[in-house]
Amino acid sequence: MRRPQTPARLPLDPWVLALLATVGLAALLPARGPAASVAEAASTGAVVLLFFLYGARLSTREALDGLRHWRLHLTVLACTFVLFPLLGLAARGLVATLLSPSLASGLLFMCLVPSTIQSSIAFTSIARGNVPAAICAGSFSSLAGIVLTPLLAAVLLGASAGGFSPDSLLRIALQLLLPFLLGQVLRRWVGGFLVRNKRLLGYVDRGSILLVVYTAFGAGMVAGVWHQVSAARLGALMAVEAVLLAVMLLVSWYGAKRLGFGRADRIAIQFAGSKKSLVAGLPMAGVLFGAQASLAVLPLMLFHQMQLMVCAVLARRRAGDSEPRAGAELPAGHVVEVSSALQHPAPQGR
């Protein structure tokens, strides 16, 4: 058997490049005055549309079928909403020496958002893991995050989240949870259209998130929050995040082994349990942090690219560590979907 070679050039997500370009536009031409009000209203509408589409896409039947593998899903949820927040609280202790209060709050917020769907599926498939389990685990995590992320933020962040207040929970429910549930209700009638126009709706997703990013970073520029960031603090933030990712990759892999999971399940747990969703986190940060959202999402943006680069290499190594089992190959449709996901990650990065 020939071991796959580590890629000479680590993948740079085109989606992240688009986000960086949007940040640059917000820095040069932030919306001010009446234009800022229009941008904020458009951003809110985009978020509502985004979560409506999420709800309409998620198959309730598939989600219920996936509950049969409940131990695996509980393990992923524990990694995402228990272990990650605990590590985030520990890392927050570095605020006095390495990170500014805003970056430290953003780092902790990053640890509270749900896991991804698309990249977890793609990397699990490449590593010859349990792909159906990765699909369900990512979906359950995203669904749970709509409720758990703002609740955890209320408890762990409190007043340190710039615009956070009890009223923010209501705004989360109205902007995220209600559209999601409405999408689930109407899925019977709109699901076929969404499936037939999946590629087109991917651009709607991307446009919605880019609008959210522009609004958040533009508000931060107008408020002057970027004067709090220095190169040294950015470097410290990246170092802390690298440690967080390494710890989660190790714990999810060896912890799943101690719990008695087989190799295919451990792969799904590792890739679904070690990631954080940029797309799910951005709208929530806009609601919770207000003008401070630009700094709050910076740790999440950096971690998103870091996890893609590291997991791309790790998935290929996992694939080389085991021989393909008879009948274990993915159907051609799955191979094409995974390849497409890696080359053009959908903003489900979620």
Protein backbone atom coordinates (compact mmCIF):
# COMPACT_ATOMS: atom_id res chain seq x y z
CA MET A 1 0.00 0.00 0.00
CA ARG A 2 1.30 3.45 -0.92
CA ARG A 3 0.91 6.05 1.81
CA PRO A 4 -0.63 9.30 0.53
CA GLN A 5 1.89 12.10 0.58
CA THR A 6 1.36 15.16 2.69
CA PRO A 7 0.40 17.98 0.30
CA ALA A 8 3.28 20.29 -0.47
CA ARG A 9 0.99 23.29 -0.23
CA LEU A 10 -1.58 23.51 2.54
CA PRO A 11 -5.07 24.40 1.30
CA LEU A 12 -6.18 28.00 1.57
CA ASP A 13 -9.94 28.10 1.68
CA PRO A 14 -11.34 30.39 -1.08
CA TRP A 15 -14.21 31.13 1.27
CA VAL A 16 -11.75 32.58 3.80
CA LEU A 17 -10.19 34.70 1.03
CA ALA A 18 -13.63 36.13 0.28
CA LEU A 19 -14.13 36.87 3.96
CA LEU A 20 -10.76 38.63 4.17
CA ALA A 21 -11.63 40.71 1.10
CA THR A 22 -14.90 41.71 2.75
CA VAL A 23 -13.04 42.69 5.91
CA GLY A 24 -10.72 44.84 3.79
CA LEU A 25 -13.70 46.53 2.14
CA ALA A 26 -15.25 47.23 5.54
CA ALA A 27 -11.96 48.72 6.73
CA LEU A 28 -11.66 51.03 3.71
CA LEU A 29 -15.33 51.89 3.18
CA PRO A 30 -17.37 51.22 6.34
CA ALA A 31 -21.05 52.11 6.26
CA ARG A 32 -21.78 55.31 8.19
CA GLY A 33 -24.91 57.18 9.20
CA PRO A 34 -28.07 56.20 7.28
CA ALA A 35 -26.06 53.73 5.18
CA ALA A 36 -25.10 51.89 8.36
CA SER A 37 -28.77 51.54 9.33
CA VAL A 38 -29.59 50.15 5.90
CA ALA A 39 -26.65 47.71 6.07
CA GLU A 40 -27.73 46.53 9.53
CA ALA A 41 -31.33 45.96 8.39
CA ALA A 42 -30.12 44.09 5.30
CA SER A 43 -27.77 42.01 7.45
CA THR A 44 -30.62 41.05 9.79
CA GLY A 45 -32.77 40.03 6.83
CA ALA A 46 -29.92 37.99 5.39
CA VAL A 47 -29.48 36.11 8.67
CA VAL A 48 -33.20 35.32 8.82
CA LEU A 49 -33.07 33.99 5.23
CA LEU A 50 -29.92 32.00 5.97
CA PHE A 51 -31.41 30.11 8.90
CA PHE A 52 -34.70 29.58 7.09
CA LEU A 53 -32.74 27.83 4.34
CA TYR A 54 -30.85 25.77 6.93
CA GLY A 55 -34.12 24.58 8.41
CA ALA A 56 -35.64 23.81 5.02
CA ARG A 57 -32.61 21.75 3.97
CA LEU A 58 -32.28 19.55 7.06
CA SER A 59 -34.19 16.31 6.62
CA THR A 60 -36.11 15.66 9.81
CA ARG A 61 -36.41 11.97 8.94
CA GLU A 62 -32.66 11.57 8.44
CA ALA A 63 -32.00 13.38 11.72
CA LEU A 64 -34.37 11.06 13.59
CA ASP A 65 -32.84 7.99 11.95
CA GLY A 66 -29.42 9.15 13.07
CA LEU A 67 -30.49 9.05 16.72
CA ARG A 68 -29.87 5.30 16.65
CA HIS A 69 -26.15 6.11 16.97
CA TRP A 70 -26.82 8.22 20.03
CA ARG A 71 -23.56 7.46 21.90
CA LEU A 72 -21.49 8.89 19.05
CA HIS A 73 -23.63 12.02 18.80
CA LEU A 74 -23.54 12.62 22.55
CA THR A 75 -19.74 12.31 22.43
CA VAL A 76 -19.51 14.93 19.68
CA LEU A 77 -21.91 17.23 21.54
CA ALA A 78 -19.84 16.81 24.72
CA CYS A 79 -16.68 17.78 22.82
CA THR A 80 -18.40 20.80 21.26
CA PHE A 81 -20.42 22.19 24.15
CA VAL A 82 -18.62 20.89 27.27
CA LEU A 83 -14.92 20.28 26.67
CA PHE A 84 -14.39 23.16 24.25
CA PRO A 85 -15.99 25.73 26.63
CA LEU A 86 -13.93 24.41 29.54
CA LEU A 87 -10.74 24.82 27.51
CA GLY A 88 -11.93 28.28 26.45
CA LEU A 89 -12.38 29.29 30.08
CA ALA A 90 -8.87 28.06 30.87
CA ALA A 91 -7.41 29.96 27.90
CA ARG A 92 -9.25 33.09 28.99
CA GLY A 93 -6.95 33.21 31.99
CA LEU A 94 -4.27 34.48 29.60
CA VAL A 95 -6.12 37.77 29.16
CA ALA A 96 -3.91 39.72 31.54
CA THR A 97 -0.67 38.80 29.77
CA LEU A 98 -1.39 37.90 26.15
CA LEU A 99 -4.84 38.87 24.90
CA SER A 100 -7.00 41.95 25.14
CA PRO A 101 -10.36 41.54 26.91
CA SER A 102 -12.22 41.69 23.57
CA LEU A 103 -10.04 39.02 21.96
CA ALA A 104 -10.32 36.84 25.06
CA SER A 105 -14.11 37.11 24.95
CA GLY A 106 -14.03 36.30 21.24
CA LEU A 107 -11.85 33.26 21.94
CA LEU A 108 -14.30 31.98 24.53
CA PHE A 109 -17.23 32.67 22.19
CA MET A 110 -15.48 30.62 19.50
CA CYS A 111 -15.45 27.69 21.92
CA LEU A 112 -19.23 27.96 22.34
CA VAL A 113 -20.37 27.76 18.70
CA PRO A 114 -21.49 24.47 17.09
CA SER A 115 -19.47 22.14 14.89
CA THR A 116 -19.29 22.23 11.11
CA ILE A 117 -21.21 20.01 8.70
CA GLN A 118 -19.63 20.15 5.25
CA SER A 119 -15.95 19.93 6.14
CA SER A 120 -16.59 17.29 8.83
CA ILE A 121 -18.28 15.10 6.21
CA ALA A 122 -15.53 15.70 3.65
CA PHE A 123 -12.62 14.91 5.95
CA THR A 124 -14.39 11.92 7.51
CA SER A 125 -14.92 10.50 4.03
CA ILE A 126 -11.30 11.04 2.97
CA ALA A 127 -10.10 9.32 6.16
CA ARG A 128 -12.44 6.34 5.52
CA GLY A 129 -14.59 7.09 8.55
CA ASN A 130 -18.29 6.77 9.30
CA VAL A 131 -19.74 9.34 6.87
CA PRO A 132 -23.44 8.94 7.82
CA ALA A 133 -22.50 9.48 11.46
CA ALA A 134 -20.56 12.63 10.54
CA ILE A 135 -23.57 13.96 8.64
CA CYS A 136 -25.92 13.43 11.59
CA ALA A 137 -23.42 14.60 14.20
CA GLY A 138 -22.79 17.87 12.36
CA SER A 139 -26.50 18.42 11.83
CA PHE A 140 -27.34 17.75 15.48
CA SER A 141 -24.55 20.06 16.61
CA SER A 142 -25.77 22.90 14.39
CA LEU A 143 -29.33 22.45 15.59
CA ALA A 144 -28.32 22.29 19.25
CA GLY A 145 -26.08 25.34 18.83
CA ILE A 146 -29.02 27.58 17.98
CA VAL A 147 -30.16 27.10 21.58
CA LEU A 148 -27.01 26.15 23.50
CA THR A 149 -24.61 28.78 22.14
CA PRO A 150 -26.58 31.85 23.30
CA LEU A 151 -27.39 30.15 26.62
CA LEU A 152 -23.73 29.33 27.25
CA ALA A 153 -22.79 32.87 26.23
CA ALA A 154 -25.27 34.21 28.77
CA VAL A 155 -23.68 32.16 31.53
CA LEU A 156 -19.97 32.34 30.61
CA LEU A 157 -19.64 35.73 28.91
CA GLY A 158 -22.31 37.83 30.60
CA ALA A 159 -21.61 41.55 30.45
CA SER A 160 -18.24 40.99 28.77
CA ALA A 161 -20.07 40.44 25.49
CA GLY A 162 -20.32 44.00 24.25
CA GLY A 163 -23.96 44.04 23.21
CA PHE A 164 -25.09 41.06 25.29
CA SER A 165 -28.20 41.32 27.42
CA PRO A 166 -31.17 39.06 28.26
CA ASP A 167 -32.90 40.72 25.31
CA SER A 168 -30.24 39.19 23.06
CA LEU A 169 -31.68 35.73 23.74
CA LEU A 170 -35.01 36.91 22.36
CA ARG A 171 -33.27 38.38 19.31
CA ILE A 172 -31.46 35.08 18.78
CA ALA A 173 -34.77 33.23 18.95
CA LEU A 174 -36.46 35.60 16.50
CA GLN A 175 -33.59 35.85 14.02
CA LEU A 176 -32.23 32.29 14.14
CA LEU A 177 -34.51 29.76 15.84
CA LEU A 178 -37.87 30.93 14.49
CA PRO A 179 -36.72 31.03 10.81
CA PHE A 180 -35.09 27.62 11.26
CA LEU A 181 -38.31 26.11 12.61
CA LEU A 182 -40.32 27.79 9.86
CA GLY A 183 -37.99 26.22 7.30
CA GLN A 184 -38.60 22.80 8.86
CA VAL A 185 -42.37 23.33 8.69
CA LEU A 186 -42.28 24.43 5.04
CA ARG A 187 -39.66 21.89 3.96
CA ARG A 188 -42.35 19.62 2.55
CA TRP A 189 -43.20 22.25 -0.06
CA VAL A 190 -39.86 23.99 -0.68
CA GLY A 191 -37.43 21.11 -0.15
CA GLY A 192 -37.55 19.95 -3.76
CA PHE A 193 -36.80 23.44 -5.06
CA LEU A 194 -33.83 23.76 -2.69
CA VAL A 195 -32.40 20.43 -3.84
CA ARG A 196 -32.75 21.35 -7.51
CA ASN A 197 -31.10 24.75 -6.98
CA LYS A 198 -28.44 23.76 -4.47
CA ARG A 199 -25.59 25.51 -6.28
CA LEU A 200 -27.50 28.76 -6.72
CA LEU A 201 -28.56 28.79 -3.09
CA GLY A 202 -24.94 28.31 -2.11
CA TYR A 203 -24.26 31.79 -3.50
CA VAL A 204 -27.21 33.11 -1.47
CA ASP A 205 -25.59 31.60 1.64
CA ARG A 206 -22.23 33.15 0.84
CA GLY A 207 -23.71 36.54 0.06
CA SER A 208 -25.66 36.55 3.32
CA ILE A 209 -22.61 35.78 5.42
CA LEU A 210 -20.42 38.30 3.59
CA LEU A 211 -23.05 40.97 4.29
CA VAL A 212 -23.01 40.04 7.98
CA VAL A 213 -19.20 40.25 8.02
CA TYR A 214 -19.19 43.63 6.26
CA THR A 215 -21.73 45.06 8.70
CA ALA A 216 -19.94 43.76 11.79
CA PHE A 217 -16.45 44.82 10.75
CA GLY A 218 -17.67 48.15 9.42
CA ALA A 219 -19.34 48.92 12.75
CA GLY A 220 -16.11 47.97 14.49
CA MET A 221 -14.11 50.35 12.31
CA VAL A 222 -16.50 53.23 13.00
CA ALA A 223 -16.36 52.48 16.74
CA GLY A 224 -12.54 52.30 16.65
CA VAL A 225 -12.28 48.85 18.20
CA TRP A 226 -9.43 47.79 15.89
CA HIS A 227 -7.01 50.07 17.71
CA GLN A 228 -7.01 47.40 20.43
CA VAL A 229 -5.28 44.82 18.19
CA SER A 230 -1.52 44.53 17.79
CA ALA A 231 0.63 42.10 15.85
CA ALA A 232 1.89 40.56 19.09
CA ARG A 233 -1.64 39.88 20.31
CA LEU A 234 -2.64 38.38 16.97
CA GLY A 235 0.35 36.06 17.17
CA ALA A 236 -0.55 35.10 20.74
CA LEU A 237 -4.13 34.42 19.67
CA MET A 238 -3.01 32.10 16.87
CA ALA A 239 -0.69 30.24 19.24
CA VAL A 240 -3.47 29.73 21.79
CA GLU A 241 -5.82 28.50 19.06
CA ALA A 242 -3.21 26.07 17.73
CA VAL A 243 -2.94 24.56 21.21
CA LEU A 244 -6.74 24.36 21.52
CA LEU A 245 -7.03 22.56 18.17
CA ALA A 246 -4.23 20.13 19.03
CA VAL A 247 -5.78 19.29 22.39
CA MET A 248 -9.22 18.70 20.87
CA LEU A 249 -7.85 16.51 18.08
CA LEU A 250 -5.97 14.37 20.59
CA VAL A 251 -8.75 14.14 23.18
CA SER A 252 -11.47 13.36 20.62
CA TRP A 253 -9.33 10.61 19.06
CA TYR A 254 -7.99 8.86 22.16
CA GLY A 255 -11.06 9.62 24.27
CA ALA A 256 -13.29 7.94 21.69
CA LYS A 257 -10.96 4.93 21.80
CA ARG A 258 -11.32 4.69 25.56
CA LEU A 259 -15.10 4.83 25.15
CA GLY A 260 -14.95 1.74 22.94
CA PHE A 261 -15.70 3.26 19.53
CA GLY A 262 -14.37 1.57 16.39
CA ARG A 263 -11.95 3.26 14.04
CA ALA A 264 -14.57 4.56 11.60
CA ASP A 265 -16.60 6.10 14.43
CA ARG A 266 -13.48 7.59 16.02
CA ILE A 267 -12.66 9.35 12.76
CA ALA A 268 -16.15 10.87 12.62
CA ILE A 269 -15.90 11.94 16.27
CA GLN A 270 -12.48 13.51 15.77
CA PHE A 271 -13.43 15.59 12.74
CA ALA A 272 -16.89 16.59 13.96
CA GLY A 273 -15.83 17.16 17.57
CA SER A 274 -12.78 19.33 16.92
CA LYS A 275 -14.30 21.93 14.59
CA LYS A 276 -16.16 25.20 14.98
CA SER A 277 -18.65 26.63 12.51
CA LEU A 278 -17.82 30.04 11.07
CA VAL A 279 -21.20 30.38 9.41
CA ALA A 280 -23.24 29.58 12.52
CA GLY A 281 -21.04 31.74 14.74
CA LEU A 282 -21.00 34.94 12.67
CA PRO A 283 -24.72 35.81 12.91
CA MET A 284 -24.80 35.01 16.62
CA ALA A 285 -21.78 37.20 17.28
CA GLY A 286 -23.47 40.11 15.51
CA VAL A 287 -26.43 39.83 17.86
CA LEU A 288 -24.46 39.20 21.04
CA PHE A 289 -21.55 41.61 20.67
CA GLY A 290 -22.89 44.58 18.71
CA ALA A 291 -20.09 46.97 17.70
CA GLN A 292 -17.53 44.63 19.30
CA ALA A 293 -18.51 41.80 16.93
CA SER A 294 -15.59 42.44 14.58
CA LEU A 295 -13.08 41.50 17.29
CA ALA A 296 -15.33 38.78 18.65
CA VAL A 297 -15.37 36.87 15.35
CA LEU A 298 -11.67 37.30 14.62
CA PRO A 299 -10.67 34.24 16.70
CA LEU A 300 -13.35 32.19 14.93
CA MET A 301 -12.17 33.28 11.47
CA LEU A 302 -8.56 32.35 12.28
CA PHE A 303 -9.54 29.03 13.81
CA HIS A 304 -11.70 28.18 10.79
CA GLN A 305 -8.77 28.35 8.39
CA MET A 306 -6.44 26.63 10.84
CA GLN A 307 -8.77 23.67 11.28
CA LEU A 308 -9.14 23.24 7.50
CA MET A 309 -5.38 23.22 6.95
CA VAL A 310 -4.60 20.80 9.77
CA CYS A 311 -7.51 18.43 9.13
CA ALA A 312 -6.75 18.25 5.39
CA VAL A 313 -3.34 16.79 6.24
CA LEU A 314 -4.67 14.62 9.08
CA ALA A 315 -7.46 13.12 6.94
CA ARG A 316 -4.97 11.96 4.32
CA ARG A 317 -2.76 10.43 7.00
CA ARG A 318 -5.74 8.61 8.51
CA ALA A 319 -6.61 7.25 5.05
CA GLY A 320 -3.07 5.94 4.65
CA ASP A 321 -3.09 4.23 8.06
CA SER A 322 -5.67 1.62 7.08
CA GLU A 323 -6.42 -0.58 4.09
CA PRO A 324 -9.79 -0.02 2.41
CA ARG A 325 -12.29 -2.62 3.50
CA ALA A 326 -14.21 -4.64 0.91
CA GLY A 327 -17.41 -2.83 0.09
CA ALA A 328 -16.38 0.19 2.15
CA GLU A 329 -15.75 2.49 -0.77
CA LEU A 330 -18.03 5.48 -1.06
CA PRO A 331 -20.53 5.65 -3.93
CA ALA A 332 -19.37 7.81 -6.81
CA GLY A 333 -21.82 10.53 -5.86
CA HIS A 334 -20.26 10.83 -2.43
CA VAL A 335 -16.76 11.02 -3.88
CA VAL A 336 -17.76 13.85 -6.19
CA GLU A 337 -19.54 15.68 -3.37
CA VAL A 338 -16.58 15.40 -1.03
CA SER A 339 -14.12 16.53 -3.68
CA SER A 340 -16.32 19.50 -4.48
CA ALA A 341 -16.66 20.35 -0.79
CA LEU A 342 -12.91 20.53 -0.37
CA GLN A 343 -12.32 22.62 -3.46
CA HIS A 344 -15.35 24.90 -2.99
CA PRO A 345 -16.40 24.73 0.67
CA ALA A 346 -20.03 25.66 1.07
CA PRO A 347 -20.73 28.23 3.73
CA GLN A 348 -22.17 25.40 5.62
CA GLY A 349 -18.66 25.47 6.92
CA ARG A 350 -20.93 25.06 9.62
